[in-house]
Amino acid sequence: MQKMVVTNRACPARRVPSGEPTSIPEGQFITINQSLGGNYTVTWQGNMLRIDGTDAEAIGQEPEVLDFEDKGTGSIDVEQVWQALDSIYDPEIPISLVSLGLVYKVSVDQVENTVGIDMTLTAPGCGMGPVLVGDVKYRVAKVPNVKSVSVDLVFDPPWSREMMSEEAQLEAGLFF
């Protein structure tokens, strides 16, 4: 599904596979190569980039809406952090990171308003690891009162398909 579009505003993006943040200026021609899991893989000036689905209107697509209510307490709602994590999909398997069992631990510091996440990848050598880390930081930072997000990639215990939810196993055709 390659499609050429023009950015209608500056659009945040992350380089593939490094995950390095960048911005595509308004009025730039880009090619949408793939739309998977609510995100877009695009090519701009010879670079492969990933645009978060919440910024899709910048490339003329229907945006994914993450609407978290600020309850006015100044605290981070842990359930909203998990909702943000559940909205992030593996770039190669359109199943959420939470359903895949890739998120091992979420720690919230209500004094510093920070979130720490321990997660893994389906394979230690996964080239999309930095991009997924960028996705996690970007989406979790949208939760009200979050000042910063840190993500640690851990590989102990190693991920296995048994960590997937039954629904994810059915969706991936792995449930016997």
N, C-alpha and C. Protein backbone atom coordinates (compact mmCIF):
# COMPACT_ATOMS: atom_id res chain seq x y z
N MET A 1 0.83 -1.18 0.00
CA MET A 1 0.00 0.00 0.00
C MET A 1 0.88 1.25 0.00
N GLN A 2 1.70 1.45 -0.96
CA GLN A 2 2.48 2.67 -1.01
C GLN A 2 1.59 3.81 -1.48
N LYS A 3 1.73 4.94 -0.80
CA LYS A 3 0.90 6.09 -1.11
C LYS A 3 1.71 7.34 -0.81
N MET A 4 1.78 8.26 -1.76
CA MET A 4 2.50 9.51 -1.54
C MET A 4 1.53 10.55 -1.01
N VAL A 5 1.96 11.25 0.05
CA VAL A 5 1.14 12.30 0.66
C VAL A 5 2.06 13.48 0.99
N VAL A 6 1.44 14.60 1.36
CA VAL A 6 2.17 15.79 1.77
C VAL A 6 1.83 16.07 3.23
N THR A 7 2.86 16.34 4.03
CA THR A 7 2.59 16.66 5.44
C THR A 7 1.88 17.99 5.52
N ASN A 8 0.83 18.06 6.35
CA ASN A 8 0.08 19.30 6.49
C ASN A 8 0.44 20.07 7.76
N ARG A 9 1.39 19.54 8.50
CA ARG A 9 1.99 20.23 9.65
C ARG A 9 3.30 19.50 9.96
N ALA A 10 4.15 20.11 10.79
CA ALA A 10 5.35 19.41 11.23
C ALA A 10 4.91 18.13 11.95
N CYS A 11 5.62 17.06 11.69
CA CYS A 11 5.19 15.76 12.20
C CYS A 11 6.35 15.05 12.91
N PRO A 12 6.19 14.75 14.20
CA PRO A 12 7.23 13.99 14.89
C PRO A 12 7.31 12.57 14.32
N ALA A 13 8.52 12.04 14.25
CA ALA A 13 8.73 10.69 13.72
C ALA A 13 9.96 10.10 14.41
N ARG A 14 10.17 8.80 14.21
CA ARG A 14 11.36 8.12 14.73
C ARG A 14 12.00 7.34 13.59
N ARG A 15 13.31 7.43 13.51
CA ARG A 15 14.05 6.71 12.47
C ARG A 15 13.97 5.21 12.72
N VAL A 16 13.88 4.46 11.64
CA VAL A 16 13.89 2.99 11.70
C VAL A 16 15.25 2.55 11.18
N PRO A 17 15.99 1.72 11.89
CA PRO A 17 15.61 1.02 13.12
C PRO A 17 16.16 1.66 14.39
N SER A 18 16.84 2.82 14.32
CA SER A 18 17.52 3.37 15.50
C SER A 18 16.56 3.92 16.56
N GLY A 19 15.34 4.33 16.14
CA GLY A 19 14.40 4.92 17.08
C GLY A 19 14.69 6.38 17.39
N GLU A 20 15.70 6.96 16.74
CA GLU A 20 16.09 8.35 16.98
C GLU A 20 14.96 9.30 16.59
N PRO A 21 14.54 10.19 17.50
CA PRO A 21 13.47 11.13 17.18
C PRO A 21 13.90 12.14 16.12
N THR A 22 12.97 12.50 15.28
CA THR A 22 13.20 13.53 14.26
C THR A 22 11.86 14.20 13.99
N SER A 23 11.84 15.16 13.11
CA SER A 23 10.60 15.84 12.75
C SER A 23 10.59 16.07 11.24
N ILE A 24 9.47 15.78 10.64
CA ILE A 24 9.28 16.03 9.21
C ILE A 24 8.57 17.38 9.10
N PRO A 25 9.16 18.35 8.42
CA PRO A 25 8.52 19.67 8.32
C PRO A 25 7.20 19.63 7.53
N GLU A 26 6.41 20.66 7.72
CA GLU A 26 5.17 20.83 6.96
C GLU A 26 5.49 20.98 5.48
N GLY A 27 4.61 20.45 4.62
CA GLY A 27 4.74 20.63 3.18
C GLY A 27 5.71 19.67 2.51
N GLN A 28 6.09 18.59 3.18
CA GLN A 28 7.04 17.63 2.62
C GLN A 28 6.31 16.45 1.98
N PHE A 29 6.81 16.00 0.84
CA PHE A 29 6.29 14.78 0.22
C PHE A 29 6.90 13.58 0.93
N ILE A 30 6.04 12.68 1.38
CA ILE A 30 6.49 11.43 2.00
C ILE A 30 5.74 10.28 1.35
N THR A 31 6.30 9.11 1.46
CA THR A 31 5.63 7.91 0.97
C THR A 31 5.25 7.04 2.15
N ILE A 32 3.96 6.73 2.26
CA ILE A 32 3.50 5.80 3.30
C ILE A 32 3.74 4.40 2.74
N ASN A 33 4.60 3.64 3.40
CA ASN A 33 4.92 2.28 2.97
C ASN A 33 4.03 1.24 3.62
N GLN A 34 3.65 1.52 4.86
CA GLN A 34 2.90 0.51 5.62
C GLN A 34 2.14 1.18 6.75
N SER A 35 0.96 0.66 7.01
CA SER A 35 0.17 1.06 8.16
C SER A 35 -0.13 -0.21 8.93
N LEU A 36 0.43 -0.33 10.12
CA LEU A 36 0.26 -1.55 10.89
C LEU A 36 0.21 -1.20 12.37
N GLY A 37 -0.78 -1.73 13.06
CA GLY A 37 -0.88 -1.50 14.49
C GLY A 37 -1.11 -0.04 14.85
N GLY A 38 -1.74 0.70 13.95
CA GLY A 38 -2.04 2.10 14.23
C GLY A 38 -0.90 3.06 13.97
N ASN A 39 0.25 2.57 13.52
CA ASN A 39 1.40 3.42 13.21
C ASN A 39 1.69 3.35 11.72
N TYR A 40 2.51 4.28 11.26
CA TYR A 40 2.82 4.36 9.84
C TYR A 40 4.33 4.30 9.63
N THR A 41 4.74 3.47 8.71
CA THR A 41 6.13 3.43 8.27
C THR A 41 6.19 4.20 6.96
N VAL A 42 7.03 5.23 6.94
CA VAL A 42 7.09 6.12 5.79
C VAL A 42 8.54 6.29 5.33
N THR A 43 8.68 6.79 4.10
CA THR A 43 9.99 7.15 3.58
C THR A 43 9.98 8.64 3.29
N TRP A 44 11.01 9.34 3.77
CA TRP A 44 11.17 10.77 3.53
C TRP A 44 12.65 11.05 3.34
N GLN A 45 12.99 11.65 2.23
CA GLN A 45 14.37 12.00 1.89
C GLN A 45 15.31 10.80 2.06
N GLY A 46 14.85 9.64 1.63
CA GLY A 46 15.68 8.43 1.68
C GLY A 46 15.75 7.76 3.03
N ASN A 47 15.06 8.29 4.03
CA ASN A 47 15.07 7.72 5.38
C ASN A 47 13.76 7.00 5.66
N MET A 48 13.86 5.83 6.30
CA MET A 48 12.67 5.13 6.74
C MET A 48 12.35 5.64 8.14
N LEU A 49 11.10 6.05 8.33
CA LEU A 49 10.65 6.63 9.59
C LEU A 49 9.35 5.99 10.03
N ARG A 50 9.08 6.11 11.31
CA ARG A 50 7.83 5.61 11.88
C ARG A 50 7.09 6.80 12.48
N ILE A 51 5.83 6.94 12.09
CA ILE A 51 4.98 8.01 12.60
C ILE A 51 3.92 7.37 13.48
N ASP A 52 3.77 7.90 14.68
CA ASP A 52 2.78 7.38 15.61
C ASP A 52 1.38 7.67 15.08
N GLY A 53 0.48 6.71 15.29
CA GLY A 53 -0.90 6.85 14.83
C GLY A 53 -1.62 8.04 15.42
N THR A 54 -1.17 8.52 16.59
CA THR A 54 -1.80 9.70 17.19
C THR A 54 -1.46 10.97 16.41
N ASP A 55 -0.45 10.90 15.52
CA ASP A 55 -0.07 12.04 14.68
C ASP A 55 -0.49 11.85 13.22
N ALA A 56 -1.36 10.89 12.96
CA ALA A 56 -1.72 10.53 11.59
C ALA A 56 -2.36 11.67 10.80
N GLU A 57 -3.04 12.59 11.48
CA GLU A 57 -3.68 13.68 10.73
C GLU A 57 -2.63 14.55 10.04
N ALA A 58 -1.39 14.55 10.54
CA ALA A 58 -0.32 15.34 9.91
C ALA A 58 0.04 14.81 8.52
N ILE A 59 -0.35 13.55 8.25
CA ILE A 59 -0.10 12.97 6.92
C ILE A 59 -1.42 12.62 6.22
N GLY A 60 -2.49 13.28 6.67
CA GLY A 60 -3.79 13.13 6.00
C GLY A 60 -4.51 11.83 6.29
N GLN A 61 -4.13 11.15 7.35
CA GLN A 61 -4.77 9.89 7.72
C GLN A 61 -5.61 10.08 8.98
N GLU A 62 -6.46 9.12 9.26
CA GLU A 62 -7.31 9.16 10.45
C GLU A 62 -6.46 8.90 11.70
N PRO A 63 -6.40 9.85 12.64
CA PRO A 63 -5.55 9.66 13.81
C PRO A 63 -6.15 8.68 14.81
N GLU A 64 -5.28 8.00 15.51
CA GLU A 64 -5.70 7.18 16.64
C GLU A 64 -5.84 8.14 17.82
N VAL A 65 -6.94 8.06 18.53
CA VAL A 65 -7.19 8.98 19.63
C VAL A 65 -6.92 8.29 20.96
N LEU A 66 -5.99 8.85 21.70
CA LEU A 66 -5.75 8.41 23.07
C LEU A 66 -6.24 9.55 23.96
N ASP A 67 -7.34 9.32 24.64
CA ASP A 67 -7.94 10.38 25.43
C ASP A 67 -7.93 9.96 26.89
N PHE A 68 -6.99 10.52 27.63
CA PHE A 68 -6.87 10.20 29.05
C PHE A 68 -7.36 11.39 29.86
N GLU A 69 -8.29 11.12 30.76
CA GLU A 69 -8.85 12.16 31.60
C GLU A 69 -7.87 12.48 32.73
N ASP A 70 -7.58 13.77 32.89
CA ASP A 70 -6.78 14.22 34.03
C ASP A 70 -7.74 14.38 35.19
N LYS A 71 -7.58 13.57 36.21
CA LYS A 71 -8.51 13.56 37.34
C LYS A 71 -8.26 14.69 38.32
N GLY A 72 -7.26 15.55 38.03
CA GLY A 72 -7.02 16.72 38.85
C GLY A 72 -6.28 16.45 40.15
N THR A 73 -5.78 15.25 40.34
CA THR A 73 -5.09 14.92 41.59
C THR A 73 -3.59 15.19 41.52
N GLY A 74 -3.08 15.41 40.30
CA GLY A 74 -1.64 15.57 40.13
C GLY A 74 -0.90 14.25 40.09
N SER A 75 -1.64 13.16 40.25
CA SER A 75 -1.04 11.83 40.26
C SER A 75 -1.17 11.16 38.90
N ILE A 76 -0.30 10.18 38.69
CA ILE A 76 -0.36 9.36 37.47
C ILE A 76 -1.31 8.20 37.73
N ASP A 77 -2.26 8.00 36.83
CA ASP A 77 -3.19 6.89 36.92
C ASP A 77 -2.53 5.66 36.28
N VAL A 78 -2.20 4.66 37.09
CA VAL A 78 -1.49 3.48 36.60
C VAL A 78 -2.31 2.75 35.55
N GLU A 79 -3.62 2.73 35.70
CA GLU A 79 -4.48 2.08 34.72
C GLU A 79 -4.35 2.76 33.35
N GLN A 80 -4.21 4.08 33.34
CA GLN A 80 -4.02 4.80 32.08
C GLN A 80 -2.67 4.47 31.46
N VAL A 81 -1.66 4.25 32.28
CA VAL A 81 -0.35 3.83 31.76
C VAL A 81 -0.51 2.50 31.03
N TRP A 82 -1.23 1.56 31.66
CA TRP A 82 -1.45 0.25 31.02
C TRP A 82 -2.30 0.39 29.75
N GLN A 83 -3.27 1.31 29.76
CA GLN A 83 -4.05 1.55 28.54
C GLN A 83 -3.16 2.06 27.41
N ALA A 84 -2.24 2.97 27.75
CA ALA A 84 -1.31 3.49 26.74
C ALA A 84 -0.45 2.36 26.20
N LEU A 85 0.06 1.51 27.09
CA LEU A 85 0.89 0.38 26.66
C LEU A 85 0.11 -0.58 25.78
N ASP A 86 -1.16 -0.79 26.11
CA ASP A 86 -1.99 -1.73 25.34
C ASP A 86 -2.34 -1.17 23.96
N SER A 87 -2.09 0.13 23.74
CA SER A 87 -2.37 0.73 22.43
C SER A 87 -1.17 0.64 21.49
N ILE A 88 -0.07 0.04 21.96
CA ILE A 88 1.15 -0.06 21.15
C ILE A 88 1.26 -1.47 20.60
N TYR A 89 1.45 -1.57 19.31
CA TYR A 89 1.49 -2.86 18.64
C TYR A 89 2.89 -3.18 18.15
N ASP A 90 3.22 -4.46 18.22
CA ASP A 90 4.48 -4.92 17.64
C ASP A 90 4.47 -4.54 16.16
N PRO A 91 5.56 -3.99 15.64
CA PRO A 91 5.55 -3.54 14.25
C PRO A 91 5.45 -4.66 13.22
N GLU A 92 5.75 -5.89 13.61
CA GLU A 92 5.69 -6.99 12.65
C GLU A 92 4.49 -7.91 12.88
N ILE A 93 3.94 -7.87 14.09
CA ILE A 93 2.78 -8.70 14.44
C ILE A 93 1.73 -7.73 14.96
N PRO A 94 0.61 -7.56 14.31
CA PRO A 94 -0.35 -6.55 14.77
C PRO A 94 -1.09 -6.98 16.05
N ILE A 95 -0.32 -7.21 17.11
CA ILE A 95 -0.85 -7.57 18.43
C ILE A 95 -0.19 -6.64 19.44
N SER A 96 -0.94 -6.19 20.43
CA SER A 96 -0.39 -5.22 21.38
C SER A 96 0.74 -5.81 22.21
N LEU A 97 1.63 -4.93 22.66
CA LEU A 97 2.75 -5.36 23.49
C LEU A 97 2.28 -6.03 24.77
N VAL A 98 1.17 -5.53 25.33
CA VAL A 98 0.64 -6.11 26.56
C VAL A 98 0.11 -7.52 26.29
N SER A 99 -0.66 -7.70 25.22
CA SER A 99 -1.19 -9.02 24.88
C SER A 99 -0.09 -10.01 24.51
N LEU A 100 1.01 -9.50 23.94
CA LEU A 100 2.13 -10.37 23.60
C LEU A 100 2.92 -10.78 24.85
N GLY A 101 2.67 -10.10 25.98
CA GLY A 101 3.40 -10.41 27.20
C GLY A 101 4.79 -9.80 27.23
N LEU A 102 5.00 -8.73 26.48
CA LEU A 102 6.32 -8.11 26.41
C LEU A 102 6.59 -7.12 27.55
N VAL A 103 5.53 -6.67 28.23
CA VAL A 103 5.71 -5.72 29.34
C VAL A 103 5.78 -6.53 30.64
N TYR A 104 6.94 -6.47 31.28
CA TYR A 104 7.16 -7.24 32.51
C TYR A 104 6.80 -6.46 33.77
N LYS A 105 7.07 -5.14 33.77
CA LYS A 105 6.86 -4.39 35.01
C LYS A 105 6.65 -2.91 34.69
N VAL A 106 5.72 -2.30 35.44
CA VAL A 106 5.49 -0.86 35.36
C VAL A 106 5.65 -0.29 36.77
N SER A 107 6.54 0.67 36.91
CA SER A 107 6.76 1.33 38.19
C SER A 107 6.42 2.81 38.04
N VAL A 108 5.63 3.32 38.97
CA VAL A 108 5.24 4.73 38.93
C VAL A 108 5.76 5.42 40.18
N ASP A 109 6.49 6.51 39.99
CA ASP A 109 6.95 7.33 41.10
C ASP A 109 6.04 8.56 41.14
N GLN A 110 5.10 8.57 42.10
CA GLN A 110 4.11 9.65 42.18
C GLN A 110 4.73 10.95 42.68
N VAL A 111 5.89 10.89 43.35
CA VAL A 111 6.55 12.11 43.83
C VAL A 111 7.23 12.83 42.67
N GLU A 112 7.98 12.06 41.86
CA GLU A 112 8.71 12.64 40.72
C GLU A 112 7.88 12.66 39.44
N ASN A 113 6.71 12.02 39.46
CA ASN A 113 5.83 11.89 38.30
C ASN A 113 6.54 11.23 37.12
N THR A 114 7.21 10.12 37.41
CA THR A 114 7.92 9.37 36.39
C THR A 114 7.37 7.96 36.30
N VAL A 115 7.56 7.36 35.15
CA VAL A 115 7.15 5.98 34.91
C VAL A 115 8.36 5.21 34.42
N GLY A 116 8.59 4.05 35.03
CA GLY A 116 9.64 3.14 34.60
C GLY A 116 9.02 1.86 34.10
N ILE A 117 9.48 1.38 32.97
CA ILE A 117 8.91 0.18 32.36
C ILE A 117 10.03 -0.80 32.06
N ASP A 118 9.84 -2.04 32.51
CA ASP A 118 10.72 -3.15 32.12
C ASP A 118 9.95 -3.94 31.07
N MET A 119 10.57 -4.12 29.92
CA MET A 119 9.91 -4.88 28.85
C MET A 119 10.97 -5.67 28.11
N THR A 120 10.49 -6.57 27.29
CA THR A 120 11.39 -7.38 26.49
C THR A 120 10.96 -7.34 25.03
N LEU A 121 11.64 -8.08 24.22
CA LEU A 121 11.32 -8.20 22.79
C LEU A 121 11.06 -9.67 22.48
N THR A 122 10.39 -9.93 21.38
CA THR A 122 10.13 -11.32 21.02
C THR A 122 11.41 -12.07 20.71
N ALA A 123 12.47 -11.33 20.32
CA ALA A 123 13.79 -11.93 20.08
C ALA A 123 14.84 -10.92 20.50
N PRO A 124 15.89 -11.35 21.21
CA PRO A 124 16.90 -10.39 21.70
C PRO A 124 17.53 -9.55 20.59
N GLY A 125 17.67 -10.09 19.39
CA GLY A 125 18.30 -9.35 18.29
C GLY A 125 17.32 -8.56 17.45
N CYS A 126 16.09 -8.39 17.92
CA CYS A 126 15.07 -7.69 17.14
C CYS A 126 15.54 -6.29 16.78
N GLY A 127 15.64 -6.02 15.49
CA GLY A 127 16.11 -4.72 15.02
C GLY A 127 15.16 -3.58 15.30
N MET A 128 13.91 -3.89 15.63
CA MET A 128 12.93 -2.84 15.90
C MET A 128 12.88 -2.46 17.37
N GLY A 129 13.76 -3.03 18.19
CA GLY A 129 13.76 -2.73 19.62
C GLY A 129 13.79 -1.24 19.93
N PRO A 130 14.73 -0.47 19.35
CA PRO A 130 14.76 0.96 19.64
C PRO A 130 13.49 1.69 19.21
N VAL A 131 12.88 1.24 18.13
CA VAL A 131 11.63 1.86 17.67
C VAL A 131 10.51 1.57 18.67
N LEU A 132 10.42 0.33 19.14
CA LEU A 132 9.40 -0.01 20.14
C LEU A 132 9.60 0.77 21.43
N VAL A 133 10.84 0.93 21.87
CA VAL A 133 11.12 1.73 23.06
C VAL A 133 10.63 3.16 22.84
N GLY A 134 10.88 3.71 21.65
CA GLY A 134 10.39 5.05 21.33
C GLY A 134 8.88 5.12 21.34
N ASP A 135 8.21 4.09 20.81
CA ASP A 135 6.74 4.04 20.83
C ASP A 135 6.23 4.07 22.26
N VAL A 136 6.85 3.27 23.13
CA VAL A 136 6.42 3.19 24.53
C VAL A 136 6.59 4.54 25.22
N LYS A 137 7.74 5.16 25.05
CA LYS A 137 7.97 6.46 25.68
C LYS A 137 6.97 7.50 25.17
N TYR A 138 6.74 7.52 23.87
CA TYR A 138 5.86 8.51 23.26
C TYR A 138 4.43 8.37 23.76
N ARG A 139 3.92 7.14 23.75
CA ARG A 139 2.52 6.93 24.15
C ARG A 139 2.32 7.10 25.66
N VAL A 140 3.20 6.55 26.47
CA VAL A 140 3.03 6.66 27.93
C VAL A 140 3.16 8.12 28.37
N ALA A 141 3.97 8.91 27.68
CA ALA A 141 4.11 10.33 28.01
C ALA A 141 2.82 11.11 27.78
N LYS A 142 1.86 10.54 27.06
CA LYS A 142 0.58 11.19 26.82
C LYS A 142 -0.37 11.06 28.02
N VAL A 143 -0.03 10.20 28.98
CA VAL A 143 -0.85 10.04 30.19
C VAL A 143 -0.67 11.30 31.04
N PRO A 144 -1.78 11.87 31.54
CA PRO A 144 -1.66 13.09 32.35
C PRO A 144 -0.69 12.93 33.53
N ASN A 145 0.07 13.99 33.77
CA ASN A 145 0.99 14.13 34.90
C ASN A 145 2.28 13.34 34.76
N VAL A 146 2.50 12.67 33.62
CA VAL A 146 3.76 11.96 33.41
C VAL A 146 4.80 12.97 32.93
N LYS A 147 5.88 13.13 33.71
CA LYS A 147 6.95 14.05 33.32
C LYS A 147 8.03 13.35 32.51
N SER A 148 8.30 12.08 32.83
CA SER A 148 9.29 11.36 32.05
C SER A 148 9.02 9.86 32.11
N VAL A 149 9.50 9.17 31.08
CA VAL A 149 9.31 7.73 30.95
C VAL A 149 10.67 7.11 30.67
N SER A 150 11.02 6.08 31.44
CA SER A 150 12.24 5.33 31.14
C SER A 150 11.84 3.90 30.82
N VAL A 151 12.54 3.33 29.86
CA VAL A 151 12.25 1.95 29.44
C VAL A 151 13.55 1.17 29.50
N ASP A 152 13.50 0.05 30.21
CA ASP A 152 14.64 -0.87 30.25
C ASP A 152 14.26 -2.13 29.50
N LEU A 153 15.07 -2.47 28.50
CA LEU A 153 14.89 -3.74 27.81
C LEU A 153 15.58 -4.81 28.64
N VAL A 154 14.83 -5.83 29.02
CA VAL A 154 15.37 -6.92 29.82
C VAL A 154 15.12 -8.23 29.08
N PHE A 155 15.99 -9.18 29.26
CA PHE A 155 15.86 -10.45 28.54
C PHE A 155 15.86 -11.64 29.49
N ASP A 156 15.62 -11.36 30.77
CA ASP A 156 15.50 -12.42 31.76
C ASP A 156 14.24 -12.16 32.55
N PRO A 157 13.22 -12.98 32.43
CA PRO A 157 13.23 -14.22 31.67
C PRO A 157 13.07 -13.95 30.17
N PRO A 158 13.59 -14.86 29.36
CA PRO A 158 13.41 -14.68 27.92
C PRO A 158 11.93 -14.82 27.55
N TRP A 159 11.52 -14.06 26.56
CA TRP A 159 10.13 -14.12 26.12
C TRP A 159 9.86 -15.46 25.45
N SER A 160 8.65 -15.97 25.68
CA SER A 160 8.18 -17.16 24.96
C SER A 160 6.69 -16.98 24.67
N ARG A 161 6.19 -17.73 23.73
CA ARG A 161 4.79 -17.54 23.33
C ARG A 161 3.81 -17.86 24.46
N GLU A 162 4.25 -18.59 25.47
CA GLU A 162 3.38 -18.87 26.61
C GLU A 162 3.05 -17.60 27.40
N MET A 163 3.83 -16.54 27.20
CA MET A 163 3.59 -15.27 27.88
C MET A 163 2.45 -14.48 27.23
N MET A 164 2.05 -14.89 26.04
CA MET A 164 0.98 -14.21 25.32
C MET A 164 -0.36 -14.53 25.96
N SER A 165 -1.29 -13.57 25.88
CA SER A 165 -2.66 -13.84 26.33
C SER A 165 -3.26 -14.90 25.40
N GLU A 166 -4.29 -15.59 25.88
CA GLU A 166 -4.95 -16.59 25.04
C GLU A 166 -5.50 -15.94 23.78
N GLU A 167 -6.05 -14.73 23.93
CA GLU A 167 -6.60 -14.01 22.77
C GLU A 167 -5.50 -13.75 21.73
N ALA A 168 -4.32 -13.33 22.21
CA ALA A 168 -3.21 -13.07 21.29
C ALA A 168 -2.74 -14.35 20.62
N GLN A 169 -2.72 -15.45 21.36
CA GLN A 169 -2.33 -16.73 20.77
C GLN A 169 -3.32 -17.15 19.68
N LEU A 170 -4.60 -16.94 19.95
CA LEU A 170 -5.62 -17.27 18.94
C LEU A 170 -5.44 -16.38 17.71
N GLU A 171 -5.22 -15.08 17.95
CA GLU A 171 -5.07 -14.14 16.83
C GLU A 171 -3.85 -14.49 15.98
N ALA A 172 -2.78 -14.94 16.64
CA ALA A 172 -1.56 -15.28 15.92
C ALA A 172 -1.58 -16.70 15.38
N GLY A 173 -2.64 -17.44 15.70
CA GLY A 173 -2.74 -18.83 15.22
C GLY A 173 -1.82 -19.77 15.97
N LEU A 174 -1.49 -19.46 17.22
CA LEU A 174 -0.57 -20.27 18.00
C LEU A 174 -1.24 -21.09 19.08
N PHE A 175 -2.55 -20.97 19.22
CA PHE A 175 -3.25 -21.67 20.32
C PHE A 175 -3.67 -23.04 19.85
N PHE A 176 -3.22 -24.05 20.53
CA PHE A 176 -3.53 -25.43 20.12
C PHE A 176 -4.50 -26.06 21.10
